[in-house]
Amino acid sequence: MPIYEYICDDCQSQFEKIVINRQQEISCPKCSSKKATIQLSVFSSATAGGSPKPSSGSSGGGGCCGGGCGCH
């Protein structure tokens, strides 16, 4: 079930809703208005390989400061 982010057109409150059906009625939890605009969500996902590959010149090992995070 997708989680959608909304902003209320009346009170400008931001909220999230689990949406089972796109025809589901959405209402603001703060002011109960039924006028809301869906927001563009930013999300991250895991890569197909599972763990990050070490960058060249690092000692490997993965994790932050272990080669895979790119902070050095």
PDB file of N, CA and C in Angstrom:
ATOM      1  N   MET A   1       0.840  -1.173   0.000  1.00  0.00           N
ATOM      2  CA  MET A   1       0.000   0.000   0.000  1.00  0.00           C
ATOM      3  C   MET A   1       0.893   1.247   0.000  1.00  0.00           C
ATOM      4  N   PRO A   2       0.692   2.117  -0.944  1.00  0.00           N
ATOM      5  CA  PRO A   2       1.525   3.320  -1.002  1.00  0.00           C
ATOM      6  C   PRO A   2       1.129   4.360   0.045  1.00  0.00           C
ATOM      7  N   ILE A   3       2.127   5.106   0.484  1.00  0.00           N
ATOM      8  CA  ILE A   3       1.903   6.239   1.375  1.00  0.00           C
ATOM      9  C   ILE A   3       2.089   7.494   0.546  1.00  0.00           C
ATOM     10  N   TYR A   4       1.078   8.346   0.524  1.00  0.00           N
ATOM     11  CA  TYR A   4       1.136   9.584  -0.240  1.00  0.00           C
ATOM     12  C   TYR A   4       1.276  10.761   0.717  1.00  0.00           C
ATOM     13  N   GLU A   5       2.008  11.777   0.272  1.00  0.00           N
ATOM     14  CA  GLU A   5       2.163  13.009   1.037  1.00  0.00           C
ATOM     15  C   GLU A   5       1.245  14.069   0.435  1.00  0.00           C
ATOM     16  N   TYR A   6       0.577  14.812   1.303  1.00  0.00           N
ATOM     17  CA  TYR A   6      -0.372  15.839   0.873  1.00  0.00           C
ATOM     18  C   TYR A   6      -0.086  17.148   1.587  1.00  0.00           C
ATOM     19  N   ILE A   7      -0.593  18.237   1.019  1.00  0.00           N
ATOM     20  CA  ILE A   7      -0.636  19.520   1.694  1.00  0.00           C
ATOM     21  C   ILE A   7      -2.079  20.018   1.598  1.00  0.00           C
ATOM     22  N   CYS A   8      -2.612  20.446   2.735  1.00  0.00           N
ATOM     23  CA  CYS A   8      -3.993  20.917   2.778  1.00  0.00           C
ATOM     24  C   CYS A   8      -4.085  22.260   2.055  1.00  0.00           C
ATOM     25  N   ASP A   9      -5.043  22.384   1.165  1.00  0.00           N
ATOM     26  CA  ASP A   9      -5.236  23.628   0.418  1.00  0.00           C
ATOM     27  C   ASP A   9      -5.791  24.749   1.305  1.00  0.00           C
ATOM     28  N   ASP A  10      -6.424  24.394   2.419  1.00  0.00           N
ATOM     29  CA  ASP A  10      -7.024  25.406   3.289  1.00  0.00           C
ATOM     30  C   ASP A  10      -6.071  25.889   4.386  1.00  0.00           C
ATOM     31  N   CYS A  11      -5.458  24.956   5.149  1.00  0.00           N
ATOM     32  CA  CYS A  11      -4.624  25.367   6.280  1.00  0.00           C
ATOM     33  C   CYS A  11      -3.127  25.186   6.038  1.00  0.00           C
ATOM     34  N   GLN A  12      -2.753  24.669   4.869  1.00  0.00           N
ATOM     35  CA  GLN A  12      -1.354  24.458   4.475  1.00  0.00           C
ATOM     36  C   GLN A  12      -0.625  23.415   5.324  1.00  0.00           C
ATOM     37  N   SER A  13      -1.343  22.612   6.072  1.00  0.00           N
ATOM     38  CA  SER A  13      -0.750  21.551   6.876  1.00  0.00           C
ATOM     39  C   SER A  13      -0.279  20.416   5.962  1.00  0.00           C
ATOM     40  N   GLN A  14       0.881  19.848   6.256  1.00  0.00           N
ATOM     41  CA  GLN A  14       1.382  18.710   5.485  1.00  0.00           C
ATOM     42  C   GLN A  14       1.067  17.431   6.251  1.00  0.00           C
ATOM     43  N   PHE A  15       0.642  16.397   5.522  1.00  0.00           N
ATOM     44  CA  PHE A  15       0.309  15.128   6.162  1.00  0.00           C
ATOM     45  C   PHE A  15       0.492  13.985   5.184  1.00  0.00           C
ATOM     46  N   GLU A  16       0.547  12.770   5.721  1.00  0.00           N
ATOM     47  CA  GLU A  16       0.693  11.555   4.918  1.00  0.00           C
ATOM     48  C   GLU A  16      -0.526  10.667   5.131  1.00  0.00           C
ATOM     49  N   LYS A  17      -0.863   9.912   4.104  1.00  0.00           N
ATOM     50  CA  LYS A  17      -1.974   8.960   4.197  1.00  0.00           C
ATOM     51  C   LYS A  17      -1.596   7.683   3.469  1.00  0.00           C
ATOM     52  N   ILE A  18      -1.941   6.548   4.040  1.00  0.00           N
ATOM     53  CA  ILE A  18      -1.845   5.280   3.340  1.00  0.00           C
ATOM     54  C   ILE A  18      -3.078   5.196   2.461  1.00  0.00           C
ATOM     55  N   VAL A  19      -2.875   5.003   1.160  1.00  0.00           N
ATOM     56  CA  VAL A  19      -3.984   5.012   0.216  1.00  0.00           C
ATOM     57  C   VAL A  19      -4.153   3.617  -0.366  1.00  0.00           C
ATOM     58  N   ILE A  20      -5.294   3.019  -0.076  1.00  0.00           N
ATOM     59  CA  ILE A  20      -5.617   1.688  -0.578  1.00  0.00           C
ATOM     60  C   ILE A  20      -6.218   1.798  -1.975  1.00  0.00           C
ATOM     61  N   ASN A  21      -7.015   2.824  -2.188  1.00  0.00           N
ATOM     62  CA  ASN A  21      -7.733   3.013  -3.434  1.00  0.00           C
ATOM     63  C   ASN A  21      -7.633   4.492  -3.812  1.00  0.00           C
ATOM     64  N   ARG A  22      -7.275   4.796  -5.060  1.00  0.00           N
ATOM     65  CA  ARG A  22      -7.116   6.194  -5.490  1.00  0.00           C
ATOM     66  C   ARG A  22      -8.427   6.991  -5.378  1.00  0.00           C
ATOM     67  N   GLN A  23      -9.563   6.325  -5.294  1.00  0.00           N
ATOM     68  CA  GLN A  23     -10.841   7.019  -5.124  1.00  0.00           C
ATOM     69  C   GLN A  23     -11.143   7.271  -3.647  1.00  0.00           C
ATOM     70  N   GLN A  24     -10.260   6.843  -2.754  1.00  0.00           N
ATOM     71  CA  GLN A  24     -10.442   7.043  -1.325  1.00  0.00           C
ATOM     72  C   GLN A  24     -10.487   8.535  -1.014  1.00  0.00           C
ATOM     73  N   GLU A  25     -11.434   8.934  -0.195  1.00  0.00           N
ATOM     74  CA  GLU A  25     -11.569  10.342   0.172  1.00  0.00           C
ATOM     75  C   GLU A  25     -10.472  10.722   1.162  1.00  0.00           C
ATOM     76  N   ILE A  26      -9.780  11.818   0.888  1.00  0.00           N
ATOM     77  CA  ILE A  26      -8.692  12.305   1.735  1.00  0.00           C
ATOM     78  C   ILE A  26      -9.173  13.545   2.472  1.00  0.00           C
ATOM     79  N   SER A  27      -8.891  13.615   3.774  1.00  0.00           N
ATOM     80  CA  SER A  27      -9.231  14.820   4.529  1.00  0.00           C
ATOM     81  C   SER A  27      -8.065  15.182   5.442  1.00  0.00           C
ATOM     82  N   CYS A  28      -7.879  16.450   5.649  1.00  0.00           N
ATOM     83  CA  CYS A  28      -6.799  16.970   6.483  1.00  0.00           C
ATOM     84  C   CYS A  28      -7.039  16.580   7.945  1.00  0.00           C
ATOM     85  N   PRO A  29      -6.038  16.015   8.611  1.00  0.00           N
ATOM     86  CA  PRO A  29      -6.223  15.645  10.018  1.00  0.00           C
ATOM     87  C   PRO A  29      -6.291  16.857  10.953  1.00  0.00           C
ATOM     88  N   LYS A  30      -5.832  18.021  10.490  1.00  0.00           N
ATOM     89  CA  LYS A  30      -5.834  19.224  11.330  1.00  0.00           C
ATOM     90  C   LYS A  30      -7.152  19.994  11.245  1.00  0.00           C
ATOM     91  N   CYS A  31      -7.626  20.235  10.005  1.00  0.00           N
ATOM     92  CA  CYS A  31      -8.834  21.066   9.852  1.00  0.00           C
ATOM     93  C   CYS A  31     -10.006  20.328   9.210  1.00  0.00           C
ATOM     94  N   SER A  32      -9.822  19.080   8.836  1.00  0.00           N
ATOM     95  CA  SER A  32     -10.848  18.217   8.234  1.00  0.00           C
ATOM     96  C   SER A  32     -11.275  18.639   6.828  1.00  0.00           C
ATOM     97  N   SER A  33     -10.524  19.539   6.215  1.00  0.00           N
ATOM     98  CA  SER A  33     -10.837  19.949   4.846  1.00  0.00           C
ATOM     99  C   SER A  33     -10.626  18.774   3.894  1.00  0.00           C
ATOM    100  N   LYS A  34     -11.446  18.701   2.881  1.00  0.00           N
ATOM    101  CA  LYS A  34     -11.318  17.642   1.886  1.00  0.00           C
ATOM    102  C   LYS A  34     -10.525  18.115   0.669  1.00  0.00           C
ATOM    103  N   LYS A  35      -9.981  19.355   0.749  1.00  0.00           N
ATOM    104  CA  LYS A  35      -9.195  19.903  -0.355  1.00  0.00           C
ATOM    105  C   LYS A  35      -7.715  19.764  -0.027  1.00  0.00           C
ATOM    106  N   ALA A  36      -7.038  18.843  -0.717  1.00  0.00           N
ATOM    107  CA  ALA A  36      -5.610  18.623  -0.486  1.00  0.00           C
ATOM    108  C   ALA A  36      -4.932  18.336  -1.816  1.00  0.00           C
ATOM    109  N   THR A  37      -3.675  18.744  -1.904  1.00  0.00           N
ATOM    110  CA  THR A  37      -2.883  18.535  -3.108  1.00  0.00           C
ATOM    111  C   THR A  37      -1.797  17.519  -2.804  1.00  0.00           C
ATOM    112  N   ILE A  38      -1.678  16.515  -3.656  1.00  0.00           N
ATOM    113  CA  ILE A  38      -0.648  15.498  -3.484  1.00  0.00           C
ATOM    114  C   ILE A  38       0.719  16.115  -3.790  1.00  0.00           C
ATOM    115  N   GLN A  39       1.717  15.751  -2.989  1.00  0.00           N
ATOM    116  CA  GLN A  39       3.065  16.281  -3.134  1.00  0.00           C
ATOM    117  C   GLN A  39       3.974  15.258  -3.802  1.00  0.00           C
ATOM    118  N   LEU A  40       5.028  15.743  -4.414  1.00  0.00           N
ATOM    119  CA  LEU A  40       6.039  14.874  -4.986  1.00  0.00           C
ATOM    120  C   LEU A  40       6.892  14.347  -3.849  1.00  0.00           C
ATOM    121  N   SER A  41       6.955  13.032  -3.685  1.00  0.00           N
ATOM    122  CA  SER A  41       7.715  12.424  -2.602  1.00  0.00           C
ATOM    123  C   SER A  41       9.126  12.105  -3.054  1.00  0.00           C
ATOM    124  N   VAL A  42      10.060  12.255  -2.147  1.00  0.00           N
ATOM    125  CA  VAL A  42      11.446  11.875  -2.390  1.00  0.00           C
ATOM    126  C   VAL A  42      11.699  10.640  -1.537  1.00  0.00           C
ATOM    127  N   PHE A  43      12.244   9.619  -2.155  1.00  0.00           N
ATOM    128  CA  PHE A  43      12.489   8.390  -1.415  1.00  0.00           C
ATOM    129  C   PHE A  43      13.809   7.794  -1.862  1.00  0.00           C
ATOM    130  N   SER A  44      14.297   6.838  -1.101  1.00  0.00           N
ATOM    131  CA  SER A  44      15.506   6.130  -1.484  1.00  0.00           C
ATOM    132  C   SER A  44      15.190   4.640  -1.513  1.00  0.00           C
ATOM    133  N   SER A  45      15.999   3.919  -2.248  1.00  0.00           N
ATOM    134  CA  SER A  45      15.801   2.476  -2.311  1.00  0.00           C
ATOM    135  C   SER A  45      17.158   1.795  -2.334  1.00  0.00           C
ATOM    136  N   ALA A  46      17.192   0.564  -1.925  1.00  0.00           N
ATOM    137  CA  ALA A  46      18.421  -0.213  -1.928  1.00  0.00           C
ATOM    138  C   ALA A  46      18.789  -0.597  -3.356  1.00  0.00           C
ATOM    139  N   THR A  47      20.073  -0.743  -3.598  1.00  0.00           N
ATOM    140  CA  THR A  47      20.522  -1.173  -4.911  1.00  0.00           C
ATOM    141  C   THR A  47      20.302  -2.673  -5.055  1.00  0.00           C
ATOM    142  N   ALA A  48      20.334  -3.155  -6.259  1.00  0.00           N
ATOM    143  CA  ALA A  48      20.104  -4.575  -6.518  1.00  0.00           C
ATOM    144  C   ALA A  48      21.155  -5.455  -5.860  1.00  0.00           C
ATOM    145  N   GLY A  49      22.386  -4.961  -5.722  1.00  0.00           N
ATOM    146  CA  GLY A  49      23.470  -5.730  -5.118  1.00  0.00           C
ATOM    147  C   GLY A  49      23.389  -5.815  -3.614  1.00  0.00           C
ATOM    148  N   GLY A  50      22.633  -4.932  -2.980  1.00  0.00           N
ATOM    149  CA  GLY A  50      22.466  -4.968  -1.537  1.00  0.00           C
ATOM    150  C   GLY A  50      23.387  -4.033  -0.783  1.00  0.00           C
ATOM    151  N   SER A  51      24.707  -4.118  -1.006  1.00  0.00           N
ATOM    152  CA  SER A  51      25.618  -3.248  -0.280  1.00  0.00           C
ATOM    153  C   SER A  51      26.406  -2.390  -1.256  1.00  0.00           C
ATOM    154  N   PRO A  52      26.818  -1.198  -0.827  1.00  0.00           N
ATOM    155  CA  PRO A  52      27.552  -0.312  -1.730  1.00  0.00           C
ATOM    156  C   PRO A  52      28.926  -0.860  -2.079  1.00  0.00           C
ATOM    157  N   LYS A  53      29.402  -0.542  -3.262  1.00  0.00           N
ATOM    158  CA  LYS A  53      30.719  -0.947  -3.699  1.00  0.00           C
ATOM    159  C   LYS A  53      31.734   0.074  -3.192  1.00  0.00           C
ATOM    160  N   PRO A  54      32.908  -0.371  -2.713  1.00  0.00           N
ATOM    161  CA  PRO A  54      33.918   0.581  -2.269  1.00  0.00           C
ATOM    162  C   PRO A  54      34.413   1.425  -3.433  1.00  0.00           C
ATOM    163  N   SER A  55      34.693   2.698  -3.157  1.00  0.00           N
ATOM    164  CA  SER A  55      35.237   3.562  -4.199  1.00  0.00           C
ATOM    165  C   SER A  55      36.697   3.219  -4.416  1.00  0.00           C
ATOM    166  N   SER A  56      37.236   3.584  -5.570  1.00  0.00           N
ATOM    167  CA  SER A  56      38.620   3.251  -5.872  1.00  0.00           C
ATOM    168  C   SER A  56      39.556   3.945  -4.904  1.00  0.00           C
ATOM    169  N   GLY A  57      40.600   3.234  -4.501  1.00  0.00           N
ATOM    170  CA  GLY A  57      41.580   3.795  -3.598  1.00  0.00           C
ATOM    171  C   GLY A  57      41.221   3.658  -2.133  1.00  0.00           C
ATOM    172  N   SER A  58      40.160   2.956  -1.809  1.00  0.00           N
ATOM    173  CA  SER A  58      39.789   2.787  -0.409  1.00  0.00           C
ATOM    174  C   SER A  58      40.117   1.385   0.042  1.00  0.00           C
ATOM    175  N   SER A  59      40.036   1.161   1.321  1.00  0.00           N
ATOM    176  CA  SER A  59      40.386  -0.131   1.885  1.00  0.00           C
ATOM    177  C   SER A  59      39.242  -1.125   1.826  1.00  0.00           C
ATOM    178  N   GLY A  60      38.069  -0.737   1.329  1.00  0.00           N
ATOM    179  CA  GLY A  60      36.916  -1.633   1.280  1.00  0.00           C
ATOM    180  C   GLY A  60      36.233  -1.670   2.631  1.00  0.00           C
ATOM    181  N   GLY A  61      35.394  -2.624   2.831  1.00  0.00           N
ATOM    182  CA  GLY A  61      34.740  -2.772   4.117  1.00  0.00           C
ATOM    183  C   GLY A  61      33.347  -2.181   4.172  1.00  0.00           C
ATOM    184  N   GLY A  62      33.015  -1.229   3.334  1.00  0.00           N
ATOM    185  CA  GLY A  62      31.675  -0.648   3.312  1.00  0.00           C
ATOM    186  C   GLY A  62      31.389   0.215   4.527  1.00  0.00           C
ATOM    187  N   GLY A  63      30.245   0.857   4.539  1.00  0.00           N
ATOM    188  CA  GLY A  63      29.855   1.715   5.642  1.00  0.00           C
ATOM    189  C   GLY A  63      30.557   3.060   5.599  1.00  0.00           C
ATOM    190  N   CYS A  64      30.111   3.972   6.434  1.00  0.00           N
ATOM    191  CA  CYS A  64      30.692   5.314   6.456  1.00  0.00           C
ATOM    192  C   CYS A  64      32.153   5.251   6.880  1.00  0.00           C
ATOM    193  N   CYS A  65      32.992   5.904   6.149  1.00  0.00           N
ATOM    194  CA  CYS A  65      34.439   5.968   6.366  1.00  0.00           C
ATOM    195  C   CYS A  65      35.104   4.594   6.213  1.00  0.00           C
ATOM    196  N   GLY A  66      34.363   3.637   5.674  1.00  0.00           N
ATOM    197  CA  GLY A  66      34.931   2.331   5.402  1.00  0.00           C
ATOM    198  C   GLY A  66      35.063   2.094   3.903  1.00  0.00           C
ATOM    199  N   GLY A  67      34.735   3.072   3.103  1.00  0.00           N
ATOM    200  CA  GLY A  67      34.952   2.957   1.678  1.00  0.00           C
ATOM    201  C   GLY A  67      33.733   3.139   0.815  1.00  0.00           C
ATOM    202  N   GLY A  68      32.541   2.904   1.300  1.00  0.00           N
ATOM    203  CA  GLY A  68      31.387   2.934   0.427  1.00  0.00           C
ATOM    204  C   GLY A  68      30.577   4.220   0.455  1.00  0.00           C
ATOM    205  N   CYS A  69      30.840   5.099   1.412  1.00  0.00           N
ATOM    206  CA  CYS A  69      29.969   6.266   1.548  1.00  0.00           C
ATOM    207  C   CYS A  69      30.411   7.462   0.717  1.00  0.00           C
ATOM    208  N   GLY A  70      31.647   7.480   0.260  1.00  0.00           N
ATOM    209  CA  GLY A  70      32.123   8.579  -0.574  1.00  0.00           C
ATOM    210  C   GLY A  70      32.444   9.847   0.192  1.00  0.00           C
ATOM    211  N   CYS A  71      32.622   9.760   1.523  1.00  0.00           N
ATOM    212  CA  CYS A  71      32.900  10.967   2.304  1.00  0.00           C
ATOM    213  C   CYS A  71      34.376  11.364   2.267  1.00  0.00           C
ATOM    214  N   HIS A  72      35.228  10.536   1.701  1.00  0.00           N
ATOM    215  CA  HIS A  72      36.674  10.860   1.620  1.00  0.00           C
ATOM    216  C   HIS A  72      37.123  10.935   0.194  1.00  0.00           C
TER     217      HIS A  72
END
